[in-house]
N, C-alpha and C. Protein backbone atom coordinates (compact mmCIF):
# COMPACT_ATOMS: atom_id res chain seq x y z
N MET A 1 5.41 45.61 -8.52
CA MET A 1 4.68 46.17 -9.65
C MET A 1 3.24 46.46 -9.25
N GLU A 2 2.75 47.60 -9.69
CA GLU A 2 1.34 47.92 -9.48
C GLU A 2 0.63 47.92 -10.82
N ILE A 3 -0.49 47.23 -10.91
CA ILE A 3 -1.25 47.22 -12.15
C ILE A 3 -2.19 48.42 -12.17
N LYS A 4 -1.93 49.32 -13.10
CA LYS A 4 -2.72 50.54 -13.23
C LYS A 4 -3.84 50.38 -14.24
N SER A 5 -3.64 49.50 -15.21
CA SER A 5 -4.68 49.26 -16.21
C SER A 5 -4.60 47.82 -16.69
N ALA A 6 -5.75 47.23 -16.91
CA ALA A 6 -5.84 45.86 -17.42
C ALA A 6 -7.09 45.77 -18.28
N ALA A 7 -6.92 45.41 -19.54
CA ALA A 7 -8.06 45.39 -20.45
C ALA A 7 -7.97 44.20 -21.39
N PHE A 8 -9.12 43.65 -21.71
CA PHE A 8 -9.18 42.57 -22.69
C PHE A 8 -8.72 43.09 -24.05
N SER A 9 -7.91 42.29 -24.75
CA SER A 9 -7.40 42.69 -26.05
C SER A 9 -8.05 41.89 -27.18
N ILE A 10 -7.87 40.56 -27.16
CA ILE A 10 -8.39 39.74 -28.25
C ILE A 10 -8.45 38.28 -27.84
N SER A 11 -9.38 37.53 -28.43
CA SER A 11 -9.44 36.07 -28.30
C SER A 11 -9.07 35.48 -29.65
N SER A 12 -8.16 34.52 -29.64
CA SER A 12 -7.66 33.95 -30.90
C SER A 12 -7.80 32.44 -30.91
N PRO A 13 -8.29 31.86 -32.02
CA PRO A 13 -8.41 30.41 -32.11
C PRO A 13 -7.08 29.73 -32.47
N ARG A 14 -6.09 30.52 -32.89
CA ARG A 14 -4.78 29.95 -33.20
C ARG A 14 -3.72 31.05 -33.09
N VAL A 15 -2.49 30.62 -32.99
CA VAL A 15 -1.39 31.55 -32.70
C VAL A 15 -1.21 32.60 -33.80
N SER A 16 -1.51 32.25 -35.05
CA SER A 16 -1.33 33.19 -36.15
C SER A 16 -2.26 34.40 -36.06
N MET A 17 -3.29 34.30 -35.22
CA MET A 17 -4.25 35.39 -35.09
C MET A 17 -4.04 36.21 -33.81
N CYS A 18 -2.98 35.90 -33.08
CA CYS A 18 -2.65 36.67 -31.88
C CYS A 18 -2.17 38.07 -32.25
N PRO A 19 -2.13 38.99 -31.27
CA PRO A 19 -1.75 40.38 -31.56
C PRO A 19 -0.41 40.49 -32.28
N VAL A 20 -0.37 41.37 -33.26
CA VAL A 20 0.89 41.68 -33.93
C VAL A 20 1.59 42.73 -33.08
N ASP A 21 2.43 42.26 -32.19
CA ASP A 21 3.03 43.14 -31.19
C ASP A 21 4.31 42.48 -30.69
N THR A 22 5.20 43.27 -30.13
CA THR A 22 6.45 42.71 -29.60
C THR A 22 6.50 42.76 -28.08
N LYS A 23 5.44 43.20 -27.45
CA LYS A 23 5.42 43.28 -25.98
C LYS A 23 5.53 41.87 -25.38
N PRO A 24 6.22 41.72 -24.25
CA PRO A 24 6.35 40.40 -23.62
C PRO A 24 5.00 39.85 -23.18
N GLU A 25 4.89 38.53 -23.22
CA GLU A 25 3.65 37.86 -22.86
C GLU A 25 3.90 36.82 -21.77
N TYR A 26 2.95 36.73 -20.85
CA TYR A 26 3.03 35.79 -19.74
C TYR A 26 1.77 34.92 -19.77
N ALA A 27 1.95 33.65 -20.05
CA ALA A 27 0.81 32.75 -20.23
C ALA A 27 0.48 32.03 -18.94
N PHE A 28 -0.82 31.88 -18.69
CA PHE A 28 -1.30 31.15 -17.51
C PHE A 28 -2.08 29.93 -17.99
N ILE A 29 -1.72 28.78 -17.46
CA ILE A 29 -2.35 27.54 -17.91
C ILE A 29 -2.39 26.54 -16.77
N GLY A 30 -3.34 25.63 -16.82
CA GLY A 30 -3.44 24.58 -15.82
C GLY A 30 -4.58 23.65 -16.16
N ARG A 31 -4.74 22.62 -15.36
CA ARG A 31 -5.86 21.71 -15.57
C ARG A 31 -7.17 22.46 -15.36
N SER A 32 -8.22 21.97 -15.97
CA SER A 32 -9.53 22.59 -15.83
C SER A 32 -9.93 22.64 -14.35
N ASN A 33 -10.53 23.74 -13.97
CA ASN A 33 -11.03 23.95 -12.61
C ASN A 33 -9.92 24.19 -11.59
N VAL A 34 -8.75 24.64 -12.05
CA VAL A 34 -7.64 24.90 -11.13
C VAL A 34 -7.75 26.29 -10.51
N GLY A 35 -8.69 27.11 -11.01
CA GLY A 35 -8.86 28.45 -10.47
C GLY A 35 -8.11 29.52 -11.25
N LYS A 36 -7.92 29.26 -12.53
CA LYS A 36 -7.13 30.18 -13.37
C LYS A 36 -7.76 31.56 -13.52
N SER A 37 -9.04 31.59 -13.88
CA SER A 37 -9.71 32.88 -14.08
C SER A 37 -9.75 33.68 -12.79
N SER A 38 -10.00 33.01 -11.68
CA SER A 38 -10.05 33.70 -10.39
C SER A 38 -8.68 34.28 -10.04
N LEU A 39 -7.61 33.53 -10.35
CA LEU A 39 -6.26 34.02 -10.08
C LEU A 39 -5.95 35.25 -10.93
N ILE A 40 -6.30 35.19 -12.22
CA ILE A 40 -6.05 36.32 -13.11
C ILE A 40 -6.79 37.56 -12.62
N ASN A 41 -8.03 37.39 -12.23
CA ASN A 41 -8.81 38.51 -11.73
C ASN A 41 -8.23 39.07 -10.44
N MET A 42 -7.70 38.19 -9.59
CA MET A 42 -7.06 38.64 -8.35
C MET A 42 -5.79 39.43 -8.65
N LEU A 43 -4.99 38.94 -9.57
CA LEU A 43 -3.75 39.64 -9.91
C LEU A 43 -4.04 41.05 -10.43
N CYS A 44 -5.10 41.17 -11.24
CA CYS A 44 -5.43 42.45 -11.87
C CYS A 44 -6.41 43.27 -11.04
N ARG A 45 -6.87 42.69 -9.93
CA ARG A 45 -7.87 43.35 -9.07
C ARG A 45 -9.09 43.81 -9.87
N ASN A 46 -9.55 42.88 -10.69
CA ASN A 46 -10.74 43.14 -11.51
C ASN A 46 -11.52 41.83 -11.62
N ARG A 47 -12.58 41.70 -10.85
CA ARG A 47 -13.32 40.45 -10.78
C ARG A 47 -14.02 40.08 -12.09
N LYS A 48 -14.13 41.03 -13.00
CA LYS A 48 -14.85 40.78 -14.24
C LYS A 48 -13.93 40.64 -15.45
N LEU A 49 -12.61 40.68 -15.21
CA LEU A 49 -11.68 40.66 -16.35
C LEU A 49 -11.72 39.32 -17.07
N ALA A 50 -11.39 38.25 -16.38
CA ALA A 50 -11.46 36.90 -16.96
C ALA A 50 -12.76 36.26 -16.49
N LYS A 51 -13.47 35.63 -17.39
CA LYS A 51 -14.76 35.04 -17.05
C LYS A 51 -14.57 33.76 -16.23
N THR A 52 -15.18 33.77 -15.04
CA THR A 52 -15.13 32.59 -14.19
C THR A 52 -16.42 31.80 -14.37
N SER A 53 -16.32 30.50 -14.16
CA SER A 53 -17.50 29.65 -14.35
C SER A 53 -17.41 28.43 -13.43
N SER A 54 -18.56 27.95 -12.99
CA SER A 54 -18.58 26.73 -12.19
C SER A 54 -18.40 25.50 -13.07
N THR A 55 -18.51 25.70 -14.38
CA THR A 55 -18.31 24.59 -15.33
C THR A 55 -16.87 24.59 -15.82
N PRO A 56 -16.09 23.54 -15.55
CA PRO A 56 -14.69 23.50 -16.00
C PRO A 56 -14.59 23.53 -17.52
N GLY A 57 -13.46 24.02 -17.99
CA GLY A 57 -13.17 23.93 -19.41
C GLY A 57 -13.84 24.96 -20.28
N LYS A 58 -14.17 26.14 -19.72
CA LYS A 58 -14.88 27.16 -20.50
C LYS A 58 -13.95 27.92 -21.45
N THR A 59 -12.67 28.07 -21.06
CA THR A 59 -11.74 28.80 -21.91
C THR A 59 -11.33 27.93 -23.09
N LEU A 60 -11.71 28.34 -24.31
CA LEU A 60 -11.41 27.53 -25.49
C LEU A 60 -10.55 28.30 -26.49
N LEU A 61 -10.17 29.52 -26.17
CA LEU A 61 -9.39 30.36 -27.05
C LEU A 61 -8.16 30.90 -26.33
N ILE A 62 -7.25 31.49 -27.09
CA ILE A 62 -6.10 32.17 -26.53
C ILE A 62 -6.53 33.61 -26.23
N ASN A 63 -6.66 33.94 -24.96
CA ASN A 63 -7.18 35.25 -24.57
C ASN A 63 -6.06 36.17 -24.11
N HIS A 64 -5.91 37.30 -24.79
CA HIS A 64 -4.90 38.29 -24.45
C HIS A 64 -5.50 39.46 -23.67
N PHE A 65 -4.82 39.84 -22.58
CA PHE A 65 -5.18 41.03 -21.81
C PHE A 65 -3.95 41.93 -21.77
N ILE A 66 -4.11 43.19 -22.11
CA ILE A 66 -2.99 44.12 -22.10
C ILE A 66 -2.90 44.77 -20.72
N ILE A 67 -1.73 44.70 -20.11
CA ILE A 67 -1.53 45.18 -18.74
C ILE A 67 -0.59 46.39 -18.75
N ASN A 68 -1.06 47.49 -18.15
CA ASN A 68 -0.28 48.72 -18.06
C ASN A 68 0.23 49.20 -19.42
N LYS A 69 -0.41 48.71 -20.47
CA LYS A 69 -0.02 49.04 -21.85
C LYS A 69 1.42 48.64 -22.14
N GLU A 70 1.96 47.70 -21.32
CA GLU A 70 3.36 47.33 -21.43
C GLU A 70 3.59 45.84 -21.72
N TRP A 71 2.68 44.99 -21.23
CA TRP A 71 2.85 43.55 -21.42
C TRP A 71 1.49 42.88 -21.46
N TYR A 72 1.50 41.63 -21.95
CA TYR A 72 0.24 40.88 -22.08
C TYR A 72 0.19 39.74 -21.06
N LEU A 73 -0.96 39.61 -20.46
CA LEU A 73 -1.30 38.41 -19.69
C LEU A 73 -2.14 37.54 -20.62
N VAL A 74 -1.75 36.28 -20.79
CA VAL A 74 -2.41 35.40 -21.75
C VAL A 74 -3.08 34.24 -21.01
N ASP A 75 -4.38 34.15 -21.18
CA ASP A 75 -5.19 33.09 -20.55
C ASP A 75 -5.35 31.97 -21.57
N LEU A 76 -4.68 30.84 -21.33
CA LEU A 76 -4.73 29.70 -22.24
C LEU A 76 -5.79 28.69 -21.80
N PRO A 77 -6.33 27.91 -22.72
CA PRO A 77 -7.31 26.88 -22.35
C PRO A 77 -6.72 25.89 -21.34
N GLY A 78 -7.59 25.38 -20.48
CA GLY A 78 -7.14 24.36 -19.54
C GLY A 78 -6.98 23.01 -20.23
N TYR A 79 -6.16 22.17 -19.66
CA TYR A 79 -5.97 20.84 -20.23
C TYR A 79 -6.54 19.79 -19.26
N GLY A 80 -6.79 18.60 -19.81
CA GLY A 80 -7.21 17.50 -18.97
C GLY A 80 -8.69 17.46 -18.63
N PHE A 81 -9.55 18.11 -19.43
CA PHE A 81 -10.98 18.07 -19.17
C PHE A 81 -11.58 16.86 -19.87
N ALA A 82 -11.97 15.86 -19.10
CA ALA A 82 -12.32 14.55 -19.65
C ALA A 82 -13.60 14.54 -20.47
N LYS A 83 -14.49 15.52 -20.26
CA LYS A 83 -15.80 15.46 -20.91
C LYS A 83 -15.77 15.96 -22.35
N ARG A 84 -14.62 16.37 -22.85
CA ARG A 84 -14.53 16.78 -24.25
C ARG A 84 -14.31 15.56 -25.14
N SER A 85 -14.67 15.71 -26.41
CA SER A 85 -14.41 14.64 -27.36
C SER A 85 -12.92 14.59 -27.68
N LYS A 86 -12.47 13.48 -28.25
CA LYS A 86 -11.06 13.34 -28.60
C LYS A 86 -10.63 14.40 -29.61
N SER A 87 -11.52 14.71 -30.56
CA SER A 87 -11.17 15.72 -31.57
C SER A 87 -11.04 17.10 -30.93
N GLU A 88 -11.90 17.41 -29.97
CA GLU A 88 -11.80 18.69 -29.27
C GLU A 88 -10.52 18.77 -28.46
N ILE A 89 -10.21 17.69 -27.76
CA ILE A 89 -8.99 17.66 -26.95
C ILE A 89 -7.76 17.85 -27.83
N GLN A 90 -7.74 17.17 -28.98
CA GLN A 90 -6.62 17.28 -29.91
C GLN A 90 -6.49 18.70 -30.45
N LYS A 91 -7.63 19.32 -30.77
CA LYS A 91 -7.62 20.68 -31.31
C LYS A 91 -7.08 21.67 -30.29
N ILE A 92 -7.52 21.54 -29.05
CA ILE A 92 -7.06 22.44 -28.00
C ILE A 92 -5.59 22.21 -27.70
N ASP A 93 -5.18 20.95 -27.70
CA ASP A 93 -3.77 20.62 -27.45
C ASP A 93 -2.88 21.25 -28.52
N GLN A 94 -3.31 21.16 -29.79
CA GLN A 94 -2.54 21.77 -30.87
C GLN A 94 -2.47 23.29 -30.73
N MET A 95 -3.58 23.90 -30.28
CA MET A 95 -3.62 25.35 -30.07
C MET A 95 -2.63 25.76 -28.99
N ILE A 96 -2.66 25.04 -27.87
CA ILE A 96 -1.77 25.35 -26.75
C ILE A 96 -0.31 25.19 -27.15
N ARG A 97 0.01 24.05 -27.74
CA ARG A 97 1.40 23.78 -28.09
C ARG A 97 1.89 24.71 -29.20
N GLY A 98 0.99 25.05 -30.13
CA GLY A 98 1.36 25.98 -31.18
C GLY A 98 1.72 27.34 -30.61
N TYR A 99 0.89 27.82 -29.69
CA TYR A 99 1.17 29.12 -29.07
C TYR A 99 2.49 29.08 -28.30
N ILE A 100 2.67 28.08 -27.46
CA ILE A 100 3.85 28.03 -26.60
C ILE A 100 5.15 27.90 -27.40
N LEU A 101 5.12 27.11 -28.46
CA LEU A 101 6.34 26.87 -29.23
C LEU A 101 6.63 27.95 -30.27
N GLU A 102 5.58 28.61 -30.77
CA GLU A 102 5.77 29.54 -31.88
C GLU A 102 5.77 31.01 -31.48
N ARG A 103 5.25 31.32 -30.32
CA ARG A 103 5.09 32.73 -29.94
C ARG A 103 6.40 33.28 -29.39
N GLU A 104 7.11 34.05 -30.19
CA GLU A 104 8.43 34.56 -29.81
C GLU A 104 8.34 35.53 -28.63
N GLN A 105 7.21 36.19 -28.46
CA GLN A 105 7.04 37.17 -27.38
C GLN A 105 6.84 36.52 -26.02
N LEU A 106 6.63 35.21 -26.00
CA LEU A 106 6.34 34.52 -24.74
C LEU A 106 7.55 34.56 -23.82
N ALA A 107 7.38 35.21 -22.67
CA ALA A 107 8.49 35.37 -21.72
C ALA A 107 8.48 34.30 -20.64
N ASN A 108 7.30 33.82 -20.27
CA ASN A 108 7.21 32.83 -19.20
C ASN A 108 5.82 32.19 -19.19
N VAL A 109 5.80 30.90 -18.86
CA VAL A 109 4.53 30.19 -18.68
C VAL A 109 4.34 29.93 -17.19
N PHE A 110 3.20 30.34 -16.67
CA PHE A 110 2.85 30.03 -15.29
C PHE A 110 1.93 28.81 -15.30
N VAL A 111 2.42 27.71 -14.74
CA VAL A 111 1.64 26.47 -14.68
C VAL A 111 0.93 26.43 -13.33
N LEU A 112 -0.41 26.43 -13.37
CA LEU A 112 -1.19 26.46 -12.15
C LEU A 112 -1.44 25.04 -11.64
N ILE A 113 -1.23 24.86 -10.34
CA ILE A 113 -1.39 23.57 -9.69
C ILE A 113 -2.30 23.74 -8.47
N ASP A 114 -3.33 22.92 -8.36
CA ASP A 114 -4.20 22.94 -7.19
C ASP A 114 -3.44 22.34 -6.02
N VAL A 115 -3.11 23.17 -5.03
CA VAL A 115 -2.25 22.73 -3.93
C VAL A 115 -2.93 21.67 -3.05
N ARG A 116 -4.23 21.49 -3.20
CA ARG A 116 -4.96 20.50 -2.38
C ARG A 116 -4.71 19.08 -2.85
N LEU A 117 -4.23 18.91 -4.07
CA LEU A 117 -4.11 17.58 -4.66
C LEU A 117 -2.69 17.05 -4.61
N GLU A 118 -2.58 15.73 -4.60
CA GLU A 118 -1.26 15.11 -4.73
C GLU A 118 -0.76 15.31 -6.15
N PRO A 119 0.53 15.16 -6.38
CA PRO A 119 1.07 15.39 -7.73
C PRO A 119 0.32 14.59 -8.79
N GLN A 120 -0.13 15.31 -9.83
CA GLN A 120 -0.90 14.69 -10.91
C GLN A 120 0.00 14.43 -12.11
N ALA A 121 -0.14 13.24 -12.70
CA ALA A 121 0.71 12.86 -13.83
C ALA A 121 0.60 13.84 -14.98
N ILE A 122 -0.62 14.34 -15.26
CA ILE A 122 -0.82 15.22 -16.41
C ILE A 122 -0.06 16.54 -16.23
N ASP A 123 0.02 17.04 -14.98
CA ASP A 123 0.77 18.27 -14.72
C ASP A 123 2.27 18.03 -14.86
N LEU A 124 2.74 16.93 -14.30
CA LEU A 124 4.16 16.60 -14.37
C LEU A 124 4.60 16.40 -15.82
N GLU A 125 3.77 15.71 -16.60
CA GLU A 125 4.09 15.49 -18.01
C GLU A 125 4.14 16.80 -18.78
N PHE A 126 3.20 17.71 -18.49
CA PHE A 126 3.18 18.99 -19.18
C PHE A 126 4.43 19.81 -18.85
N MET A 127 4.82 19.82 -17.58
CA MET A 127 6.01 20.58 -17.19
C MET A 127 7.27 19.96 -17.76
N ASN A 128 7.31 18.63 -17.83
CA ASN A 128 8.47 17.98 -18.46
C ASN A 128 8.56 18.35 -19.93
N TRP A 129 7.40 18.44 -20.60
CA TRP A 129 7.39 18.86 -22.00
C TRP A 129 7.91 20.28 -22.15
N LEU A 130 7.51 21.17 -21.25
CA LEU A 130 8.03 22.54 -21.28
C LEU A 130 9.55 22.54 -21.13
N GLY A 131 10.03 21.73 -20.21
CA GLY A 131 11.48 21.67 -19.99
C GLY A 131 12.23 21.15 -21.20
N VAL A 132 11.73 20.07 -21.77
CA VAL A 132 12.36 19.51 -22.98
C VAL A 132 12.32 20.52 -24.12
N SER A 133 11.25 21.30 -24.18
CA SER A 133 11.09 22.31 -25.24
C SER A 133 11.83 23.60 -24.93
N ARG A 134 12.50 23.64 -23.78
CA ARG A 134 13.28 24.81 -23.34
C ARG A 134 12.41 26.07 -23.23
N VAL A 135 11.23 25.88 -22.70
CA VAL A 135 10.30 27.00 -22.47
C VAL A 135 10.38 27.39 -21.00
N PRO A 136 10.73 28.64 -20.68
CA PRO A 136 10.79 29.05 -19.28
C PRO A 136 9.41 29.01 -18.62
N PHE A 137 9.35 28.42 -17.43
CA PHE A 137 8.07 28.34 -16.74
C PHE A 137 8.24 28.41 -15.24
N SER A 138 7.14 28.73 -14.57
CA SER A 138 7.08 28.76 -13.12
C SER A 138 5.82 28.03 -12.69
N ILE A 139 5.80 27.61 -11.43
CA ILE A 139 4.64 26.93 -10.88
C ILE A 139 3.88 27.90 -9.97
N VAL A 140 2.56 27.91 -10.11
CA VAL A 140 1.71 28.70 -9.22
C VAL A 140 0.77 27.75 -8.51
N PHE A 141 0.99 27.53 -7.22
CA PHE A 141 0.07 26.71 -6.44
C PHE A 141 -1.14 27.56 -6.07
N THR A 142 -2.33 27.08 -6.41
CA THR A 142 -3.57 27.83 -6.18
C THR A 142 -4.35 27.25 -5.00
N LYS A 143 -5.33 28.03 -4.54
CA LYS A 143 -6.29 27.61 -3.51
C LYS A 143 -5.62 27.31 -2.17
N ALA A 144 -4.59 28.11 -1.83
CA ALA A 144 -3.86 27.90 -0.58
C ALA A 144 -4.75 28.10 0.64
N ASP A 145 -5.82 28.88 0.50
CA ASP A 145 -6.71 29.14 1.64
C ASP A 145 -7.56 27.93 2.00
N LYS A 146 -7.58 26.92 1.14
CA LYS A 146 -8.43 25.75 1.37
C LYS A 146 -7.77 24.71 2.28
N LEU A 147 -6.51 24.92 2.67
CA LEU A 147 -5.78 23.97 3.48
C LEU A 147 -5.18 24.63 4.71
N THR A 148 -4.85 23.83 5.72
CA THR A 148 -4.07 24.32 6.84
C THR A 148 -2.63 24.51 6.37
N GLY A 149 -1.89 25.32 7.08
CA GLY A 149 -0.51 25.58 6.68
C GLY A 149 0.34 24.33 6.61
N ALA A 150 0.17 23.42 7.58
CA ALA A 150 0.97 22.20 7.61
C ALA A 150 0.66 21.30 6.43
N LYS A 151 -0.63 21.14 6.12
CA LYS A 151 -1.02 20.29 5.00
C LYS A 151 -0.54 20.88 3.68
N MET A 152 -0.64 22.20 3.54
CA MET A 152 -0.19 22.87 2.32
C MET A 152 1.31 22.66 2.11
N ARG A 153 2.07 22.85 3.17
CA ARG A 153 3.52 22.66 3.06
C ARG A 153 3.87 21.22 2.72
N ALA A 154 3.11 20.27 3.27
CA ALA A 154 3.35 18.86 2.97
C ALA A 154 3.07 18.56 1.51
N ASN A 155 1.99 19.12 0.97
CA ASN A 155 1.65 18.88 -0.43
C ASN A 155 2.68 19.50 -1.36
N ILE A 156 3.16 20.70 -1.04
CA ILE A 156 4.19 21.34 -1.86
C ILE A 156 5.48 20.53 -1.80
N GLU A 157 5.81 20.01 -0.63
CA GLU A 157 7.01 19.19 -0.49
C GLU A 157 6.89 17.92 -1.33
N ALA A 158 5.68 17.36 -1.38
CA ALA A 158 5.46 16.17 -2.22
C ALA A 158 5.70 16.49 -3.68
N TYR A 159 5.26 17.66 -4.11
CA TYR A 159 5.51 18.08 -5.50
C TYR A 159 6.99 18.27 -5.75
N LYS A 160 7.69 18.86 -4.79
CA LYS A 160 9.13 19.05 -4.94
C LYS A 160 9.83 17.70 -5.14
N GLN A 161 9.45 16.73 -4.32
CA GLN A 161 10.09 15.42 -4.41
C GLN A 161 9.86 14.77 -5.78
N ARG A 162 8.63 14.87 -6.28
CA ARG A 162 8.33 14.32 -7.60
C ARG A 162 9.08 15.05 -8.71
N MET A 163 9.14 16.38 -8.63
CA MET A 163 9.84 17.17 -9.64
C MET A 163 11.33 16.82 -9.66
N LEU A 164 11.91 16.67 -8.46
CA LEU A 164 13.35 16.45 -8.37
C LEU A 164 13.76 15.04 -8.78
N GLU A 165 12.77 14.19 -9.08
CA GLU A 165 13.10 12.87 -9.64
C GLU A 165 13.64 13.01 -11.06
N THR A 166 13.22 14.07 -11.75
CA THR A 166 13.65 14.26 -13.14
C THR A 166 14.32 15.61 -13.38
N TRP A 167 14.21 16.54 -12.42
CA TRP A 167 14.79 17.87 -12.57
C TRP A 167 15.95 18.05 -11.59
N GLU A 168 16.95 18.80 -12.00
CA GLU A 168 18.09 19.08 -11.12
C GLU A 168 17.69 20.03 -10.00
N GLU A 169 16.76 20.93 -10.30
CA GLU A 169 16.28 21.87 -9.29
C GLU A 169 14.85 22.27 -9.61
N MET A 170 14.17 22.77 -8.60
CA MET A 170 12.79 23.21 -8.78
C MET A 170 12.76 24.51 -9.58
N PRO A 171 11.78 24.65 -10.48
CA PRO A 171 11.58 25.96 -11.11
C PRO A 171 11.03 26.92 -10.06
N PRO A 172 11.04 28.22 -10.34
CA PRO A 172 10.44 29.16 -9.38
C PRO A 172 8.99 28.78 -9.12
N TYR A 173 8.54 28.91 -7.88
CA TYR A 173 7.14 28.61 -7.59
C TYR A 173 6.56 29.62 -6.61
N PHE A 174 5.24 29.77 -6.69
CA PHE A 174 4.52 30.74 -5.89
C PHE A 174 3.30 30.08 -5.27
N VAL A 175 2.95 30.52 -4.08
CA VAL A 175 1.77 30.00 -3.38
C VAL A 175 0.72 31.11 -3.36
N THR A 176 -0.47 30.81 -3.88
CA THR A 176 -1.48 31.87 -4.04
C THR A 176 -2.85 31.46 -3.51
N SER A 177 -3.63 32.48 -3.23
CA SER A 177 -5.04 32.32 -2.89
C SER A 177 -5.80 33.46 -3.53
N ALA A 178 -6.68 33.13 -4.48
CA ALA A 178 -7.47 34.17 -5.13
C ALA A 178 -8.43 34.81 -4.14
N GLU A 179 -8.87 34.04 -3.15
CA GLU A 179 -9.82 34.55 -2.16
C GLU A 179 -9.17 35.59 -1.26
N LYS A 180 -7.94 35.34 -0.85
CA LYS A 180 -7.27 36.22 0.12
C LYS A 180 -6.23 37.14 -0.49
N GLY A 181 -5.97 36.99 -1.79
CA GLY A 181 -4.98 37.83 -2.44
C GLY A 181 -3.55 37.41 -2.17
N GLU A 182 -3.38 36.25 -1.58
CA GLU A 182 -2.04 35.77 -1.24
C GLU A 182 -1.23 35.47 -2.50
N GLY A 183 0.04 35.87 -2.50
CA GLY A 183 0.94 35.59 -3.59
C GLY A 183 0.90 36.61 -4.72
N ARG A 184 -0.02 37.57 -4.64
CA ARG A 184 -0.17 38.55 -5.72
C ARG A 184 1.12 39.33 -5.96
N ASP A 185 1.66 39.91 -4.91
CA ASP A 185 2.86 40.74 -5.05
C ASP A 185 4.03 39.93 -5.58
N GLU A 186 4.16 38.69 -5.10
CA GLU A 186 5.29 37.86 -5.52
C GLU A 186 5.23 37.55 -7.01
N VAL A 187 4.05 37.19 -7.51
CA VAL A 187 3.91 36.88 -8.94
C VAL A 187 4.17 38.12 -9.79
N LEU A 188 3.57 39.24 -9.41
CA LEU A 188 3.74 40.46 -10.20
C LEU A 188 5.17 40.98 -10.14
N ASP A 189 5.83 40.85 -8.99
CA ASP A 189 7.23 41.29 -8.89
C ASP A 189 8.13 40.41 -9.76
N TYR A 190 7.78 39.13 -9.87
CA TYR A 190 8.55 38.22 -10.72
C TYR A 190 8.40 38.63 -12.19
N ILE A 191 7.18 38.93 -12.60
CA ILE A 191 6.94 39.41 -13.96
C ILE A 191 7.72 40.70 -14.21
N ASP A 192 7.67 41.60 -13.23
CA ASP A 192 8.37 42.89 -13.35
C ASP A 192 9.88 42.68 -13.52
N SER A 193 10.44 41.72 -12.78
CA SER A 193 11.88 41.47 -12.87
C SER A 193 12.27 40.94 -14.24
N ILE A 194 11.40 40.09 -14.83
CA ILE A 194 11.67 39.58 -16.18
C ILE A 194 11.57 40.71 -17.20
N ASN A 195 10.54 41.54 -17.06
CA ASN A 195 10.38 42.68 -17.98
C ASN A 195 11.62 43.58 -17.95
N LYS A 196 12.12 43.85 -16.75
CA LYS A 196 13.28 44.73 -16.62
C LYS A 196 14.54 44.10 -17.21
N SER A 197 14.71 42.79 -17.00
CA SER A 197 15.90 42.13 -17.54
C SER A 197 15.84 42.07 -19.07
N MET A 198 14.62 41.92 -19.62
CA MET A 198 14.47 41.91 -21.07
C MET A 198 14.74 43.30 -21.65
N ALA A 199 14.29 44.34 -20.95
CA ALA A 199 14.54 45.70 -21.41
C ALA A 199 16.04 46.03 -21.39
N GLN A 200 16.73 45.55 -20.37
CA GLN A 200 18.17 45.79 -20.29
C GLN A 200 18.91 45.05 -21.39
N ALA A 201 18.41 43.88 -21.74
CA ALA A 201 19.08 43.06 -22.77
C ALA A 201 19.04 43.71 -24.14
N VAL A 202 17.99 44.50 -24.41
CA VAL A 202 17.88 45.14 -25.72
C VAL A 202 18.33 46.60 -25.71
N ALA A 203 18.69 47.10 -24.52
CA ALA A 203 19.11 48.50 -24.42
C ALA A 203 20.44 48.68 -25.14
N PRO A 204 20.63 49.82 -25.82
CA PRO A 204 21.90 50.07 -26.53
C PRO A 204 23.05 50.27 -25.56
């Protein structure tokens, strides 16, 4: 898939205020400072599309971007930012879960994982919740350029082992680097394949 156009659509504080549209949506989410905005900008080849910041936890709304006038890329708030108050954390958690569970247009959730880190309980718990909720999701390992190939493969293997303790098989996963553009084609081709299968499913 080639992205010919990518534009900001709307920021919503709750799912009821999201676009009234039937186009498929692909949500990107991860722990704060996982490199989400940088990845989105890399996928769309637009460094100014999603706002990046050195301060974690800047995304506080459900941000929709319309891609090729055909589907939405959705930037969700990060989870696990310790410096927020309990009430803020609860509010954001309700926003995230409300969107994921109620948004019928949601085709897939991309869970971003910093490949430099060992498996984190908060990520595993979130993915288990997606599985129990029967929400289709994929894993996107970020910041692949920050490690040697051997170390990166070892960290991914560690994640596989942890996932397979509770899962029969690994969900689809991608290895990316916002700095080098690695994984861009694979992620976009995966989105394209889902879009095509959905179009075939509703074709007369």
